[in-house]
Amino acid sequence: MATEKDFVTFVVDQIKGAGQIKIKHMFGEYGLFADGKMFALICDNKLFVKPTEGGRAFIKNIVEAPPYPGAKMSLLIEDKIEDRSWLTELVRITLKELPIPKARKKKK
């Protein structure tokens, strides 16, 4: 089941207080980026946030699942997805802990 654009719009609206969020259509689903960092995936109308120590501590009752078969485990956000301030804070914590991606070398 592909993700509906309305769900992507809803999630981005919920977390817009965390910074300038960019959406990238990837492998039939969506990647969420801020500050040049990919911090979450939206797959099958579900939000998967990259796991960090701070994110785990903030959530407390963690539910982990892979966003797609063969993927690393991510934090599955379902119960509190409607809580804008909670979700925004989770994104801020996650972004703070994620490393800045290394620059890719350009092909000649």
N, C-alpha and C. Protein backbone atom coordinates (compact mmCIF):
# COMPACT_ATOMS: atom_id res chain seq x y z
N MET A 1 0.84 -1.18 0.00
CA MET A 1 0.00 0.00 0.00
C MET A 1 0.89 1.25 0.00
N ALA A 2 0.73 2.11 -0.94
CA ALA A 2 1.52 3.33 -1.03
C ALA A 2 0.97 4.38 -0.06
N THR A 3 1.84 5.27 0.34
CA THR A 3 1.45 6.34 1.25
C THR A 3 0.62 7.39 0.52
N GLU A 4 -0.42 7.85 1.17
CA GLU A 4 -1.28 8.90 0.61
C GLU A 4 -0.63 10.26 0.86
N LYS A 5 -0.71 11.14 -0.13
CA LYS A 5 -0.11 12.48 0.00
C LYS A 5 -0.72 13.26 1.15
N ASP A 6 -2.00 13.04 1.44
CA ASP A 6 -2.64 13.72 2.57
C ASP A 6 -1.96 13.36 3.89
N PHE A 7 -1.52 12.11 4.03
CA PHE A 7 -0.84 11.69 5.25
C PHE A 7 0.52 12.38 5.36
N VAL A 8 1.24 12.47 4.26
CA VAL A 8 2.54 13.16 4.25
C VAL A 8 2.35 14.62 4.65
N THR A 9 1.36 15.27 4.07
CA THR A 9 1.06 16.67 4.39
C THR A 9 0.72 16.82 5.87
N PHE A 10 -0.06 15.90 6.41
CA PHE A 10 -0.43 15.92 7.82
C PHE A 10 0.81 15.83 8.71
N VAL A 11 1.69 14.88 8.42
CA VAL A 11 2.89 14.69 9.24
C VAL A 11 3.78 15.93 9.18
N VAL A 12 4.01 16.45 8.00
CA VAL A 12 4.86 17.64 7.85
C VAL A 12 4.25 18.82 8.59
N ASP A 13 2.94 18.97 8.55
CA ASP A 13 2.28 20.03 9.29
C ASP A 13 2.47 19.85 10.79
N GLN A 14 2.44 18.61 11.25
CA GLN A 14 2.61 18.33 12.68
C GLN A 14 4.01 18.72 13.17
N ILE A 15 5.04 18.57 12.32
CA ILE A 15 6.42 18.77 12.76
C ILE A 15 7.05 20.05 12.22
N LYS A 16 6.27 20.92 11.63
CA LYS A 16 6.85 22.12 11.00
C LYS A 16 7.58 23.02 11.99
N GLY A 17 7.28 22.91 13.27
CA GLY A 17 7.97 23.69 14.28
C GLY A 17 9.39 23.23 14.55
N ALA A 18 9.79 22.09 13.99
CA ALA A 18 11.14 21.55 14.21
C ALA A 18 12.16 22.13 13.24
N GLY A 19 11.71 22.89 12.26
CA GLY A 19 12.63 23.46 11.28
C GLY A 19 12.06 23.37 9.89
N GLN A 20 12.90 23.65 8.91
CA GLN A 20 12.46 23.59 7.52
C GLN A 20 12.52 22.13 7.05
N ILE A 21 11.37 21.52 6.93
CA ILE A 21 11.26 20.11 6.56
C ILE A 21 11.18 19.99 5.04
N LYS A 22 11.97 19.09 4.50
CA LYS A 22 11.92 18.81 3.07
C LYS A 22 11.47 17.37 2.87
N ILE A 23 10.68 17.16 1.85
CA ILE A 23 10.14 15.84 1.53
C ILE A 23 10.80 15.38 0.23
N LYS A 24 11.25 14.13 0.21
CA LYS A 24 11.79 13.54 -1.01
C LYS A 24 11.05 12.26 -1.30
N HIS A 25 10.56 12.15 -2.52
CA HIS A 25 9.89 10.92 -2.94
C HIS A 25 10.99 9.90 -3.21
N MET A 26 10.97 8.78 -2.49
CA MET A 26 12.02 7.78 -2.58
C MET A 26 11.41 6.38 -2.63
N PHE A 27 11.88 5.58 -3.54
CA PHE A 27 11.49 4.18 -3.68
C PHE A 27 9.99 3.96 -3.48
N GLY A 28 9.19 4.86 -4.00
CA GLY A 28 7.74 4.73 -3.90
C GLY A 28 7.15 5.26 -2.61
N GLU A 29 7.99 5.69 -1.68
CA GLU A 29 7.52 6.25 -0.41
C GLU A 29 8.19 7.61 -0.22
N TYR A 30 8.35 8.06 1.03
CA TYR A 30 8.85 9.41 1.27
C TYR A 30 9.92 9.44 2.35
N GLY A 31 10.95 10.26 2.12
CA GLY A 31 11.96 10.54 3.12
C GLY A 31 11.77 11.96 3.63
N LEU A 32 11.97 12.17 4.92
CA LEU A 32 11.86 13.50 5.52
C LEU A 32 13.25 13.98 5.92
N PHE A 33 13.57 15.21 5.55
CA PHE A 33 14.88 15.79 5.78
C PHE A 33 14.76 17.14 6.46
N ALA A 34 15.77 17.49 7.25
CA ALA A 34 15.92 18.83 7.81
C ALA A 34 17.40 19.02 8.10
N ASP A 35 17.90 20.21 7.92
CA ASP A 35 19.31 20.51 8.16
C ASP A 35 20.23 19.57 7.37
N GLY A 36 19.78 19.14 6.20
CA GLY A 36 20.58 18.23 5.37
C GLY A 36 20.61 16.80 5.88
N LYS A 37 19.82 16.49 6.90
CA LYS A 37 19.82 15.15 7.49
C LYS A 37 18.49 14.46 7.23
N MET A 38 18.57 13.20 6.82
CA MET A 38 17.34 12.40 6.71
C MET A 38 17.03 11.87 8.11
N PHE A 39 15.86 12.20 8.62
CA PHE A 39 15.53 11.80 9.99
C PHE A 39 14.34 10.86 10.08
N ALA A 40 13.60 10.69 8.99
CA ALA A 40 12.42 9.83 9.07
C ALA A 40 12.00 9.36 7.68
N LEU A 41 11.23 8.30 7.68
CA LEU A 41 10.60 7.78 6.46
C LEU A 41 9.10 7.69 6.71
N ILE A 42 8.35 7.91 5.66
CA ILE A 42 6.91 7.64 5.71
C ILE A 42 6.66 6.54 4.69
N CYS A 43 6.23 5.40 5.19
CA CYS A 43 5.97 4.24 4.34
C CYS A 43 4.62 3.64 4.74
N ASP A 44 3.80 3.35 3.77
CA ASP A 44 2.48 2.74 4.02
C ASP A 44 1.66 3.52 5.05
N ASN A 45 1.69 4.84 4.95
CA ASN A 45 0.96 5.72 5.87
C ASN A 45 1.37 5.53 7.33
N LYS A 46 2.65 5.26 7.54
CA LYS A 46 3.20 5.13 8.89
C LYS A 46 4.47 5.96 8.96
N LEU A 47 4.74 6.56 10.13
CA LEU A 47 5.92 7.38 10.34
C LEU A 47 6.98 6.57 11.07
N PHE A 48 8.16 6.50 10.47
CA PHE A 48 9.31 5.79 11.04
C PHE A 48 10.43 6.80 11.24
N VAL A 49 10.84 7.02 12.50
CA VAL A 49 11.89 7.99 12.82
C VAL A 49 13.18 7.23 13.10
N LYS A 50 14.30 7.79 12.62
CA LYS A 50 15.60 7.15 12.86
C LYS A 50 15.83 7.06 14.37
N PRO A 51 16.30 5.92 14.84
CA PRO A 51 16.51 5.76 16.28
C PRO A 51 17.77 6.49 16.76
N THR A 52 17.65 7.18 17.88
CA THR A 52 18.78 7.80 18.57
C THR A 52 18.59 7.53 20.06
N GLU A 53 19.66 7.68 20.83
CA GLU A 53 19.54 7.47 22.27
C GLU A 53 18.55 8.46 22.88
N GLY A 54 18.67 9.71 22.48
CA GLY A 54 17.76 10.74 22.99
C GLY A 54 16.32 10.48 22.61
N GLY A 55 16.10 10.04 21.39
CA GLY A 55 14.75 9.72 20.93
C GLY A 55 14.15 8.58 21.73
N ARG A 56 14.96 7.55 21.97
CA ARG A 56 14.48 6.41 22.76
C ARG A 56 14.11 6.84 24.18
N ALA A 57 14.97 7.67 24.79
CA ALA A 57 14.71 8.14 26.16
C ALA A 57 13.45 9.01 26.20
N PHE A 58 13.25 9.81 25.18
CA PHE A 58 12.09 10.70 25.13
C PHE A 58 10.79 9.91 24.97
N ILE A 59 10.81 8.90 24.11
CA ILE A 59 9.60 8.12 23.84
C ILE A 59 9.23 7.23 25.02
N LYS A 60 10.22 6.63 25.63
CA LYS A 60 10.06 5.70 26.76
C LYS A 60 9.48 4.35 26.33
N ASN A 61 8.23 4.28 25.93
CA ASN A 61 7.62 3.02 25.50
C ASN A 61 7.80 2.88 23.99
N ILE A 62 8.94 2.32 23.62
CA ILE A 62 9.36 2.28 22.22
C ILE A 62 8.68 1.14 21.46
N VAL A 63 8.28 1.47 20.24
CA VAL A 63 7.83 0.45 19.28
C VAL A 63 8.77 0.58 18.10
N GLU A 64 9.49 -0.50 17.80
CA GLU A 64 10.41 -0.49 16.67
C GLU A 64 9.91 -1.42 15.58
N ALA A 65 10.14 -1.01 14.35
CA ALA A 65 9.76 -1.82 13.19
C ALA A 65 10.56 -1.33 11.99
N PRO A 66 10.79 -2.20 11.02
CA PRO A 66 11.46 -1.74 9.80
C PRO A 66 10.44 -1.05 8.89
N PRO A 67 10.81 0.05 8.25
CA PRO A 67 9.86 0.74 7.36
C PRO A 67 9.52 -0.06 6.11
N TYR A 68 10.41 -0.96 5.72
CA TYR A 68 10.18 -1.82 4.56
C TYR A 68 11.02 -3.07 4.76
N PRO A 69 10.71 -4.16 4.09
CA PRO A 69 11.46 -5.41 4.27
C PRO A 69 12.96 -5.23 4.02
N GLY A 70 13.76 -5.70 4.96
CA GLY A 70 15.20 -5.63 4.83
C GLY A 70 15.82 -4.35 5.39
N ALA A 71 15.00 -3.41 5.84
CA ALA A 71 15.50 -2.14 6.38
C ALA A 71 15.89 -2.30 7.85
N LYS A 72 16.73 -1.38 8.32
CA LYS A 72 17.07 -1.33 9.74
C LYS A 72 15.83 -0.93 10.53
N MET A 73 15.83 -1.31 11.79
CA MET A 73 14.71 -0.96 12.65
C MET A 73 14.67 0.55 12.87
N SER A 74 13.46 1.08 12.93
CA SER A 74 13.22 2.50 13.18
C SER A 74 12.18 2.61 14.28
N LEU A 75 12.05 3.82 14.81
CA LEU A 75 11.03 4.07 15.83
C LEU A 75 9.71 4.32 15.12
N LEU A 76 8.76 3.44 15.33
CA LEU A 76 7.44 3.56 14.71
C LEU A 76 6.58 4.46 15.58
N ILE A 77 6.11 5.55 15.00
CA ILE A 77 5.31 6.53 15.74
C ILE A 77 3.87 6.41 15.28
N GLU A 78 3.02 5.95 16.19
CA GLU A 78 1.59 5.79 15.86
C GLU A 78 0.71 6.50 16.88
N ASP A 79 0.83 6.11 18.15
CA ASP A 79 -0.08 6.61 19.19
C ASP A 79 -0.02 8.12 19.38
N LYS A 80 1.17 8.72 19.28
CA LYS A 80 1.31 10.15 19.58
C LYS A 80 1.48 11.00 18.33
N ILE A 81 1.14 10.46 17.18
CA ILE A 81 1.32 11.21 15.93
C ILE A 81 0.44 12.45 15.87
N GLU A 82 -0.63 12.48 16.63
CA GLU A 82 -1.54 13.63 16.65
C GLU A 82 -1.09 14.70 17.64
N ASP A 83 -0.10 14.37 18.49
CA ASP A 83 0.40 15.31 19.49
C ASP A 83 1.52 16.15 18.87
N ARG A 84 1.15 17.31 18.34
CA ARG A 84 2.09 18.16 17.59
C ARG A 84 3.33 18.53 18.39
N SER A 85 3.16 18.98 19.63
CA SER A 85 4.33 19.42 20.41
C SER A 85 5.24 18.25 20.75
N TRP A 86 4.68 17.11 21.09
CA TRP A 86 5.47 15.91 21.40
C TRP A 86 6.25 15.47 20.16
N LEU A 87 5.60 15.40 19.03
CA LEU A 87 6.23 14.94 17.80
C LEU A 87 7.32 15.92 17.35
N THR A 88 7.06 17.21 17.47
CA THR A 88 8.05 18.22 17.12
C THR A 88 9.29 18.08 17.99
N GLU A 89 9.09 17.86 19.28
CA GLU A 89 10.23 17.69 20.19
C GLU A 89 11.02 16.43 19.85
N LEU A 90 10.35 15.35 19.50
CA LEU A 90 11.05 14.13 19.09
C LEU A 90 11.93 14.40 17.87
N VAL A 91 11.41 15.12 16.91
CA VAL A 91 12.18 15.45 15.70
C VAL A 91 13.38 16.32 16.06
N ARG A 92 13.20 17.30 16.92
CA ARG A 92 14.32 18.16 17.35
C ARG A 92 15.42 17.34 18.02
N ILE A 93 15.03 16.46 18.93
CA ILE A 93 15.99 15.61 19.63
C ILE A 93 16.74 14.72 18.64
N THR A 94 16.00 14.13 17.72
CA THR A 94 16.60 13.24 16.72
C THR A 94 17.58 14.00 15.85
N LEU A 95 17.18 15.16 15.34
CA LEU A 95 18.06 15.95 14.47
C LEU A 95 19.34 16.37 15.19
N LYS A 96 19.22 16.70 16.46
CA LYS A 96 20.38 17.12 17.24
C LYS A 96 21.42 16.01 17.33
N GLU A 97 20.97 14.76 17.41
CA GLU A 97 21.89 13.63 17.58
C GLU A 97 22.41 13.04 16.28
N LEU A 98 21.69 13.23 15.20
CA LEU A 98 22.13 12.65 13.93
C LEU A 98 23.35 13.39 13.40
N PRO A 99 24.33 12.66 12.87
CA PRO A 99 25.51 13.32 12.31
C PRO A 99 25.19 14.03 11.00
N ILE A 100 26.00 15.02 10.68
CA ILE A 100 25.87 15.70 9.39
C ILE A 100 26.37 14.72 8.33
N PRO A 101 25.60 14.53 7.26
CA PRO A 101 26.03 13.57 6.24
C PRO A 101 27.32 14.02 5.55
N LYS A 102 28.13 13.04 5.21
CA LYS A 102 29.38 13.33 4.50
C LYS A 102 29.05 13.74 3.07
N ALA A 103 29.83 14.67 2.57
CA ALA A 103 29.64 15.13 1.19
C ALA A 103 30.02 14.01 0.22
N ARG A 104 29.21 13.86 -0.79
CA ARG A 104 29.49 12.84 -1.80
C ARG A 104 30.49 13.40 -2.81
N LYS A 105 31.35 12.52 -3.28
CA LYS A 105 32.29 12.93 -4.32
C LYS A 105 31.56 12.93 -5.65
N LYS A 106 31.81 13.96 -6.44
CA LYS A 106 31.18 14.05 -7.75
C LYS A 106 31.92 13.15 -8.72
N LYS A 107 31.15 12.50 -9.58
CA LYS A 107 31.76 11.65 -10.61
C LYS A 107 32.36 12.53 -11.69
N LYS A 108 33.47 12.05 -12.23
CA LYS A 108 34.13 12.81 -13.31
C LYS A 108 33.48 12.56 -14.63
